């Protein structure tokens, strides 16, 4: 487990322990002093995942959009753990119709207060059809802000867009960006995104799950070091890191 020194933030609040664990594809578990936030829990059918849905129990699930490789095991996990699910209105209605008890709808620029701090929805350039081909609203990214001021930007599935610079103006400590190409940004576009956002660190996701989105991640890591002032952190599936 690594400790990442962050030079961009300071606060009068007591710093909390923030642990980030990549579960494969776009699934991450964020642990804020014991409060667990799970994103896009595609686990059971994920060839890159090392755990199944039965091995994780979050307090809240963030669902960026409706595609099957992101909805994944959301319904099973939410039912078993009585977890709240935050997503757009259309997805929340669909989840409620499928037995999820607690949903919190959110749209672009909307904010929810949570025990660890707050969570805001931001733009993502992507589709959002649901697994049953129903309308899944629009895709989202999320900015998670801890009570001590540190910010994590989880981009979800997205292409490059210029307003990433506005997200960066908030002072992002860790950006988690897709790099697998075809369906999202590829390596070169993600480098442009890093330069717009200017986070303290950048963590890649949504790559190497299947051959179609295979990436030479060491070359990407080298490019980030050469073309940006940002520290790349390439996680292994299941590897936790402290922010």
Foldseek 3Di string as FASTA:
>chain_A
DAADDFPQDFFPDDQWWWKWAFQAFQWIWIQTNNQIEIFQPAAPPQQQGPDHLVVDAHQEYEQFAADCSRCHCVLVNCVVNVHEYEYAPQVQVVSVVVPRDHYDHADAQDKDADPQGIKGWHAAAAAHQHPVRHHIDHGTWMWDAGPRGAIETERPAHEDDLCLLVVLVSAHAEYEEEAQPPRGNHLVRVLVSCQSNVHQEYEYHNAPSDPSRHDPVVVSQVCNVVRHPHHYDYDRNRDMYID
